Amino acid sequence: DKMWNLNLFPNNVISKEINYYLTKQNPYG
């Protein structure tokens, strides 16, 4: 969606997910 600018998801979905994932990381990923 991001690469091809399809805009299938609202603009804030990716940033919301990325920020959340950063809180879920373990030492090896």
PDB file of all heavy atoms in Angstrom:
ATOM      1  N   ASP A   1       0.842  -1.199   0.000  1.00  0.00           N
ATOM      2  CA  ASP A   1       0.000   0.000   0.000  1.00  0.00           C
ATOM      3  C   ASP A   1       0.878   1.250   0.000  1.00  0.00           C
ATOM      4  O   ASP A   1       0.636   2.196  -0.749  1.00  0.00           O
ATOM      5  CB  ASP A   1      -0.930  -0.015   1.217  1.00  0.00           C
ATOM      6  CG  ASP A   1      -1.977   1.084   1.160  1.00  0.00           C
ATOM      7  OD1 ASP A   1      -2.642   1.235   0.118  1.00  0.00           O
ATOM      8  OD2 ASP A   1      -2.126   1.796   2.170  1.00  0.00           O
ATOM      9  N   LYS A   2       1.907   1.229   0.827  1.00  0.00           N
ATOM     10  CA  LYS A   2       2.805   2.377   0.905  1.00  0.00           C
ATOM     11  C   LYS A   2       3.647   2.507  -0.370  1.00  0.00           C
ATOM     12  O   LYS A   2       3.780   3.594  -0.917  1.00  0.00           O
ATOM     13  CB  LYS A   2       3.715   2.251   2.132  1.00  0.00           C
ATOM     14  CG  LYS A   2       4.631   3.439   2.297  1.00  0.00           C
ATOM     15  CD  LYS A   2       5.398   3.394   3.597  1.00  0.00           C
ATOM     16  CE  LYS A   2       6.276   4.638   3.722  1.00  0.00           C
ATOM     17  NZ  LYS A   2       6.930   4.724   5.015  1.00  0.00           N
ATOM     18  N   MET A   3       4.202   1.401  -0.836  1.00  0.00           N
ATOM     19  CA  MET A   3       5.087   1.458  -1.997  1.00  0.00           C
ATOM     20  C   MET A   3       4.387   1.978  -3.244  1.00  0.00           C
ATOM     21  O   MET A   3       4.923   2.773  -3.997  1.00  0.00           O
ATOM     22  CB  MET A   3       5.684   0.080  -2.279  1.00  0.00           C
ATOM     23  CG  MET A   3       6.670   0.113  -3.439  1.00  0.00           C
ATOM     24  SD  MET A   3       7.405  -1.476  -3.815  1.00  0.00           S
ATOM     25  CE  MET A   3       8.210  -1.847  -2.287  1.00  0.00           C
ATOM     26  N   TRP A   4       3.187   1.505  -3.459  1.00  0.00           N
ATOM     27  CA  TRP A   4       2.478   1.862  -4.685  1.00  0.00           C
ATOM     28  C   TRP A   4       1.455   2.981  -4.488  1.00  0.00           C
ATOM     29  O   TRP A   4       0.656   3.247  -5.380  1.00  0.00           O
ATOM     30  CB  TRP A   4       1.806   0.628  -5.265  1.00  0.00           C
ATOM     31  CG  TRP A   4       2.813  -0.389  -5.749  1.00  0.00           C
ATOM     32  CD1 TRP A   4       4.045  -0.141  -6.282  1.00  0.00           C
ATOM     33  CD2 TRP A   4       2.665  -1.798  -5.740  1.00  0.00           C
ATOM     34  NE1 TRP A   4       4.668  -1.325  -6.597  1.00  0.00           N
ATOM     35  CE2 TRP A   4       3.845  -2.355  -6.283  1.00  0.00           C
ATOM     36  CE3 TRP A   4       1.653  -2.658  -5.319  1.00  0.00           C
ATOM     37  CZ2 TRP A   4       4.035  -3.724  -6.428  1.00  0.00           C
ATOM     38  CZ3 TRP A   4       1.848  -4.019  -5.475  1.00  0.00           C
ATOM     39  CH2 TRP A   4       3.023  -4.539  -6.016  1.00  0.00           C
ATOM     40  N   ASN A   5       1.478   3.617  -3.313  1.00  0.00           N
ATOM     41  CA  ASN A   5       0.562   4.728  -3.023  1.00  0.00           C
ATOM     42  C   ASN A   5      -0.893   4.377  -3.351  1.00  0.00           C
ATOM     43  O   ASN A   5      -1.606   5.151  -3.966  1.00  0.00           O
ATOM     44  CB  ASN A   5       0.983   5.990  -3.789  1.00  0.00           C
ATOM     45  CG  ASN A   5       2.320   6.497  -3.343  1.00  0.00           C
ATOM     46  OD1 ASN A   5       2.583   6.613  -2.147  1.00  0.00           O
ATOM     47  ND2 ASN A   5       3.192   6.785  -4.298  1.00  0.00           N
ATOM     48  N   LEU A   6      -1.304   3.206  -2.924  1.00  0.00           N
ATOM     49  CA  LEU A   6      -2.663   2.757  -3.189  1.00  0.00           C
ATOM     50  C   LEU A   6      -3.686   3.432  -2.286  1.00  0.00           C
ATOM     51  O   LEU A   6      -4.858   3.516  -2.629  1.00  0.00           O
ATOM     52  CB  LEU A   6      -2.749   1.234  -3.019  1.00  0.00           C
ATOM     53  CG  LEU A   6      -1.893   0.417  -3.993  1.00  0.00           C
ATOM     54  CD1 LEU A   6      -1.911  -1.051  -3.604  1.00  0.00           C
ATOM     55  CD2 LEU A   6      -2.356   0.626  -5.420  1.00  0.00           C
ATOM     56  N   ASN A   7      -3.251   3.847  -1.100  1.00  0.00           N
ATOM     57  CA  ASN A   7      -4.123   4.510  -0.123  1.00  0.00           C
ATOM     58  C   ASN A   7      -5.334   3.667   0.250  1.00  0.00           C
ATOM     59  O   ASN A   7      -6.441   4.181   0.394  1.00  0.00           O
ATOM     60  CB  ASN A   7      -4.543   5.895  -0.641  1.00  0.00           C
ATOM     61  CG  ASN A   7      -3.331   6.765  -0.884  1.00  0.00           C
ATOM     62  OD1 ASN A   7      -2.444   6.869  -0.046  1.00  0.00           O
ATOM     63  ND2 ASN A   7      -3.273   7.361  -2.061  1.00  0.00           N
ATOM     64  N   LEU A   8      -5.103   2.369   0.410  1.00  0.00           N
ATOM     65  CA  LEU A   8      -6.174   1.473   0.846  1.00  0.00           C
ATOM     66  C   LEU A   8      -6.468   1.640   2.331  1.00  0.00           C
ATOM     67  O   LEU A   8      -7.557   1.336   2.784  1.00  0.00           O
ATOM     68  CB  LEU A   8      -5.787   0.014   0.563  1.00  0.00           C
ATOM     69  CG  LEU A   8      -5.560  -0.330  -0.911  1.00  0.00           C
ATOM     70  CD1 LEU A   8      -5.008  -1.741  -1.039  1.00  0.00           C
ATOM     71  CD2 LEU A   8      -6.846  -0.173  -1.700  1.00  0.00           C
ATOM     72  N   PHE A   9      -5.471   2.105   3.086  1.00  0.00           N
ATOM     73  CA  PHE A   9      -5.609   2.308   4.521  1.00  0.00           C
ATOM     74  C   PHE A   9      -5.493   3.795   4.827  1.00  0.00           C
ATOM     75  O   PHE A   9      -4.758   4.509   4.146  1.00  0.00           O
ATOM     76  CB  PHE A   9      -4.509   1.544   5.284  1.00  0.00           C
ATOM     77  CG  PHE A   9      -4.572   0.068   5.078  1.00  0.00           C
ATOM     78  CD1 PHE A   9      -3.826  -0.544   4.071  1.00  0.00           C
ATOM     79  CD2 PHE A   9      -5.384  -0.727   5.875  1.00  0.00           C
ATOM     80  CE1 PHE A   9      -3.881  -1.912   3.869  1.00  0.00           C
ATOM     81  CE2 PHE A   9      -5.446  -2.100   5.679  1.00  0.00           C
ATOM     82  CZ  PHE A   9      -4.699  -2.688   4.671  1.00  0.00           C
ATOM     83  N   PRO A  10      -6.191   4.264   5.853  1.00  0.00           N
ATOM     84  CA  PRO A  10      -6.038   5.673   6.248  1.00  0.00           C
ATOM     85  C   PRO A  10      -4.568   5.979   6.563  1.00  0.00           C
ATOM     86  O   PRO A  10      -3.804   5.096   6.974  1.00  0.00           O
ATOM     87  CB  PRO A  10      -6.894   5.784   7.516  1.00  0.00           C
ATOM     88  CG  PRO A  10      -7.866   4.656   7.418  1.00  0.00           C
ATOM     89  CD  PRO A  10      -7.149   3.554   6.678  1.00  0.00           C
ATOM     90  N   ASN A  11      -4.176   7.221   6.369  1.00  0.00           N
ATOM     91  CA  ASN A  11      -2.777   7.638   6.520  1.00  0.00           C
ATOM     92  C   ASN A  11      -2.158   7.279   7.863  1.00  0.00           C
ATOM     93  O   ASN A  11      -0.967   7.030   7.935  1.00  0.00           O
ATOM     94  CB  ASN A  11      -2.644   9.143   6.294  1.00  0.00           C
ATOM     95  CG  ASN A  11      -2.901   9.515   4.851  1.00  0.00           C
ATOM     96  OD1 ASN A  11      -2.782   8.686   3.955  1.00  0.00           O
ATOM     97  ND2 ASN A  11      -3.254  10.761   4.618  1.00  0.00           N
ATOM     98  N   ASN A  12      -2.923   7.264   8.931  1.00  0.00           N
ATOM     99  CA  ASN A  12      -2.336   7.043  10.254  1.00  0.00           C
ATOM    100  C   ASN A  12      -2.192   5.572  10.638  1.00  0.00           C
ATOM    101  O   ASN A  12      -1.614   5.274  11.680  1.00  0.00           O
ATOM    102  CB  ASN A  12      -3.153   7.776  11.307  1.00  0.00           C
ATOM    103  CG  ASN A  12      -4.535   7.175  11.493  1.00  0.00           C
ATOM    104  OD1 ASN A  12      -5.062   6.482  10.627  1.00  0.00           O
ATOM    105  ND2 ASN A  12      -5.134   7.452  12.634  1.00  0.00           N
ATOM    106  N   VAL A  13      -2.687   4.657   9.860  1.00  0.00           N
ATOM    107  CA  VAL A  13      -2.639   3.241  10.225  1.00  0.00           C
ATOM    108  C   VAL A  13      -1.198   2.747  10.311  1.00  0.00           C
ATOM    109  O   VAL A  13      -0.809   2.116  11.299  1.00  0.00           O
ATOM    110  CB  VAL A  13      -3.466   2.364   9.251  1.00  0.00           C
ATOM    111  CG1 VAL A  13      -3.238   0.887   9.514  1.00  0.00           C
ATOM    112  CG2 VAL A  13      -4.940   2.699   9.368  1.00  0.00           C
ATOM    113  N   ILE A  14      -0.400   3.028   9.313  1.00  0.00           N
ATOM    114  CA  ILE A  14       0.980   2.548   9.317  1.00  0.00           C
ATOM    115  C   ILE A  14       1.749   3.151  10.481  1.00  0.00           C
ATOM    116  O   ILE A  14       2.433   2.433  11.217  1.00  0.00           O
ATOM    117  CB  ILE A  14       1.681   2.826   7.973  1.00  0.00           C
ATOM    118  CG1 ILE A  14       1.084   1.927   6.891  1.00  0.00           C
ATOM    119  CG2 ILE A  14       3.192   2.616   8.082  1.00  0.00           C
ATOM    120  CD1 ILE A  14       1.617   2.175   5.487  1.00  0.00           C
ATOM    121  N   SER A  15       1.642   4.443  10.700  1.00  0.00           N
ATOM    122  CA  SER A  15       2.387   5.067  11.804  1.00  0.00           C
ATOM    123  C   SER A  15       1.919   4.534  13.155  1.00  0.00           C
ATOM    124  O   SER A  15       2.743   4.312  14.054  1.00  0.00           O
ATOM    125  CB  SER A  15       2.280   6.586  11.748  1.00  0.00           C
ATOM    126  OG  SER A  15       0.952   7.015  11.866  1.00  0.00           O
ATOM    127  N   LYS A  16       0.640   4.304  13.301  1.00  0.00           N
ATOM    128  CA  LYS A  16       0.111   3.738  14.547  1.00  0.00           C
ATOM    129  C   LYS A  16       0.700   2.354  14.801  1.00  0.00           C
ATOM    130  O   LYS A  16       1.125   2.040  15.915  1.00  0.00           O
ATOM    131  CB  LYS A  16      -1.418   3.665  14.481  1.00  0.00           C
ATOM    132  CG  LYS A  16      -2.067   3.177  15.760  1.00  0.00           C
ATOM    133  CD  LYS A  16      -3.581   3.032  15.613  1.00  0.00           C
ATOM    134  CE  LYS A  16      -4.231   4.387  15.552  1.00  0.00           C
ATOM    135  NZ  LYS A  16      -5.703   4.320  15.682  1.00  0.00           N
ATOM    136  N   GLU A  17       0.736   1.529  13.767  1.00  0.00           N
ATOM    137  CA  GLU A  17       1.284   0.176  13.905  1.00  0.00           C
ATOM    138  C   GLU A  17       2.787   0.202  14.188  1.00  0.00           C
ATOM    139  O   GLU A  17       3.255  -0.488  15.090  1.00  0.00           O
ATOM    140  CB  GLU A  17       0.991  -0.656  12.650  1.00  0.00           C
ATOM    141  CG  GLU A  17      -0.466  -1.038  12.496  1.00  0.00           C
ATOM    142  CD  GLU A  17      -0.948  -1.979  13.585  1.00  0.00           C
ATOM    143  OE1 GLU A  17      -0.470  -3.119  13.661  1.00  0.00           O
ATOM    144  OE2 GLU A  17      -1.813  -1.569  14.371  1.00  0.00           O
ATOM    145  N   ILE A  18       3.529   0.988  13.441  1.00  0.00           N
ATOM    146  CA  ILE A  18       4.979   1.071  13.633  1.00  0.00           C
ATOM    147  C   ILE A  18       5.304   1.483  15.065  1.00  0.00           C
ATOM    148  O   ILE A  18       6.154   0.880  15.728  1.00  0.00           O
ATOM    149  CB  ILE A  18       5.624   2.041  12.617  1.00  0.00           C
ATOM    150  CG1 ILE A  18       5.528   1.483  11.196  1.00  0.00           C
ATOM    151  CG2 ILE A  18       7.067   2.377  12.995  1.00  0.00           C
ATOM    152  CD1 ILE A  18       6.321   0.217  10.952  1.00  0.00           C
ATOM    153  N   ASN A  19       4.641   2.501  15.562  1.00  0.00           N
ATOM    154  CA  ASN A  19       4.882   2.958  16.935  1.00  0.00           C
ATOM    155  C   ASN A  19       4.563   1.871  17.955  1.00  0.00           C
ATOM    156  O   ASN A  19       5.278   1.708  18.944  1.00  0.00           O
ATOM    157  CB  ASN A  19       4.081   4.220  17.232  1.00  0.00           C
ATOM    158  CG  ASN A  19       4.616   5.420  16.484  1.00  0.00           C
ATOM    159  OD1 ASN A  19       5.788   5.486  16.139  1.00  0.00           O
ATOM    160  ND2 ASN A  19       3.748   6.379  16.220  1.00  0.00           N
ATOM    161  N   TYR A  20       3.509   1.117  17.726  1.00  0.00           N
ATOM    162  CA  TYR A  20       3.148   0.034  18.633  1.00  0.00           C
ATOM    163  C   TYR A  20       4.182  -1.092  18.584  1.00  0.00           C
ATOM    164  O   TYR A  20       4.601  -1.609  19.620  1.00  0.00           O
ATOM    165  CB  TYR A  20       1.753  -0.501  18.305  1.00  0.00           C
ATOM    166  CG  TYR A  20       1.286  -1.530  19.291  1.00  0.00           C
ATOM    167  CD1 TYR A  20       0.854  -1.155  20.561  1.00  0.00           C
ATOM    168  CD2 TYR A  20       1.304  -2.882  18.976  1.00  0.00           C
ATOM    169  CE1 TYR A  20       0.437  -2.103  21.490  1.00  0.00           C
ATOM    170  CE2 TYR A  20       0.886  -3.833  19.893  1.00  0.00           C
ATOM    171  CZ  TYR A  20       0.461  -3.439  21.142  1.00  0.00           C
ATOM    172  OH  TYR A  20       0.060  -4.377  22.057  1.00  0.00           O
ATOM    173  N   TYR A  21       4.614  -1.457  17.384  1.00  0.00           N
ATOM    174  CA  TYR A  21       5.598  -2.538  17.241  1.00  0.00           C
ATOM    175  C   TYR A  21       6.885  -2.237  18.002  1.00  0.00           C
ATOM    176  O   TYR A  21       7.514  -3.151  18.544  1.00  0.00           O
ATOM    177  CB  TYR A  21       5.953  -2.775  15.775  1.00  0.00           C
ATOM    178  CG  TYR A  21       4.816  -3.158  14.873  1.00  0.00           C
ATOM    179  CD1 TYR A  21       4.893  -2.905  13.511  1.00  0.00           C
ATOM    180  CD2 TYR A  21       3.663  -3.771  15.349  1.00  0.00           C
ATOM    181  CE1 TYR A  21       3.867  -3.250  12.650  1.00  0.00           C
ATOM    182  CE2 TYR A  21       2.630  -4.118  14.495  1.00  0.00           C
ATOM    183  CZ  TYR A  21       2.737  -3.848  13.147  1.00  0.00           C
ATOM    184  OH  TYR A  21       1.712  -4.197  12.293  1.00  0.00           O
ATOM    185  N   LEU A  22       7.274  -0.990  18.033  1.00  0.00           N
ATOM    186  CA  LEU A  22       8.505  -0.626  18.738  1.00  0.00           C
ATOM    187  C   LEU A  22       8.431  -0.968  20.222  1.00  0.00           C
ATOM    188  O   LEU A  22       9.462  -1.177  20.857  1.00  0.00           O
ATOM    189  CB  LEU A  22       8.821   0.853  18.534  1.00  0.00           C
ATOM    190  CG  LEU A  22       9.266   1.232  17.122  1.00  0.00           C
ATOM    191  CD1 LEU A  22       9.329   2.744  16.974  1.00  0.00           C
ATOM    192  CD2 LEU A  22      10.593   0.572  16.771  1.00  0.00           C
ATOM    193  N   THR A  23       7.224  -1.059  20.764  1.00  0.00           N
ATOM    194  CA  THR A  23       7.054  -1.426  22.176  1.00  0.00           C
ATOM    195  C   THR A  23       7.045  -2.938  22.386  1.00  0.00           C
ATOM    196  O   THR A  23       7.030  -3.394  23.525  1.00  0.00           O
ATOM    197  CB  THR A  23       5.750  -0.843  22.762  1.00  0.00           C
ATOM    198  OG1 THR A  23       4.624  -1.530  22.209  1.00  0.00           O
ATOM    199  CG2 THR A  23       5.633   0.654  22.505  1.00  0.00           C
ATOM    200  N   LYS A  24       7.018  -3.703  21.313  1.00  0.00           N
ATOM    201  CA  LYS A  24       6.886  -5.163  21.394  1.00  0.00           C
ATOM    202  C   LYS A  24       8.154  -5.925  21.029  1.00  0.00           C
ATOM    203  O   LYS A  24       8.164  -7.147  21.007  1.00  0.00           O
ATOM    204  CB  LYS A  24       5.737  -5.638  20.482  1.00  0.00           C
ATOM    205  CG  LYS A  24       4.384  -5.130  20.926  1.00  0.00           C
ATOM    206  CD  LYS A  24       4.083  -5.632  22.304  1.00  0.00           C
ATOM    207  CE  LYS A  24       2.756  -5.183  22.848  1.00  0.00           C
ATOM    208  NZ  LYS A  24       2.570  -5.619  24.235  1.00  0.00           N
ATOM    209  N   GLN A  25       9.217  -5.220  20.748  1.00  0.00           N
ATOM    210  CA  GLN A  25      10.443  -5.882  20.315  1.00  0.00           C
ATOM    211  C   GLN A  25      11.131  -6.638  21.443  1.00  0.00           C
ATOM    212  O   GLN A  25      11.075  -6.238  22.589  1.00  0.00           O
ATOM    213  CB  GLN A  25      11.407  -4.858  19.725  1.00  0.00           C
ATOM    214  CG  GLN A  25      10.891  -4.259  18.442  1.00  0.00           C
ATOM    215  CD  GLN A  25      12.003  -3.909  17.517  1.00  0.00           C
ATOM    216  OE1 GLN A  25      12.353  -4.732  16.681  1.00  0.00           O
ATOM    217  NE2 GLN A  25      12.554  -2.734  17.653  1.00  0.00           N
ATOM    218  N   ASN A  26      11.787  -7.709  21.058  1.00  0.00           N
ATOM    219  CA  ASN A  26      12.618  -8.505  21.947  1.00  0.00           C
ATOM    220  C   ASN A  26      14.080  -8.312  21.527  1.00  0.00           C
ATOM    221  O   ASN A  26      14.347  -7.680  20.504  1.00  0.00           O
ATOM    222  CB  ASN A  26      12.209  -9.980  21.862  1.00  0.00           C
ATOM    223  CG  ASN A  26      10.904 -10.246  22.573  1.00  0.00           C
ATOM    224  OD1 ASN A  26      10.587  -9.607  23.566  1.00  0.00           O
ATOM    225  ND2 ASN A  26      10.136 -11.194  22.062  1.00  0.00           N
ATOM    226  N   PRO A  27      15.021  -8.862  22.269  1.00  0.00           N
ATOM    227  CA  PRO A  27      16.440  -8.654  21.927  1.00  0.00           C
ATOM    228  C   PRO A  27      16.813  -9.042  20.494  1.00  0.00           C
ATOM    229  O   PRO A  27      17.692  -8.428  19.900  1.00  0.00           O
ATOM    230  CB  PRO A  27      17.182  -9.536  22.930  1.00  0.00           C
ATOM    231  CG  PRO A  27      16.264  -9.629  24.095  1.00  0.00           C
ATOM    232  CD  PRO A  27      14.871  -9.622  23.504  1.00  0.00           C
ATOM    233  N   TYR A  28      16.121 -10.054  19.929  1.00  0.00           N
ATOM    234  CA  TYR A  28      16.481 -10.533  18.600  1.00  0.00           C
ATOM    235  C   TYR A  28      15.384 -10.266  17.565  1.00  0.00           C
ATOM    236  O   TYR A  28      15.283 -10.974  16.575  1.00  0.00           O
ATOM    237  CB  TYR A  28      16.848 -12.011  18.659  1.00  0.00           C
ATOM    238  CG  TYR A  28      18.052 -12.258  19.522  1.00  0.00           C
ATOM    239  CD1 TYR A  28      17.914 -12.783  20.806  1.00  0.00           C
ATOM    240  CD2 TYR A  28      19.330 -11.931  19.083  1.00  0.00           C
ATOM    241  CE1 TYR A  28      19.026 -12.987  21.613  1.00  0.00           C
ATOM    242  CE2 TYR A  28      20.448 -12.128  19.884  1.00  0.00           C
ATOM    243  CZ  TYR A  28      20.290 -12.655  21.147  1.00  0.00           C
ATOM    244  OH  TYR A  28      21.385 -12.851  21.947  1.00  0.00           O
ATOM    245  N   GLY A  29      14.583  -9.254  17.798  1.00  0.00           N
ATOM    246  CA  GLY A  29      13.627  -8.844  16.787  1.00  0.00           C
ATOM    247  C   GLY A  29      12.196  -8.732  17.267  1.00  0.00           C
ATOM    248  O   GLY A  29      11.863  -8.988  18.416  1.00  0.00           O
TER     249      GLY A  29
END
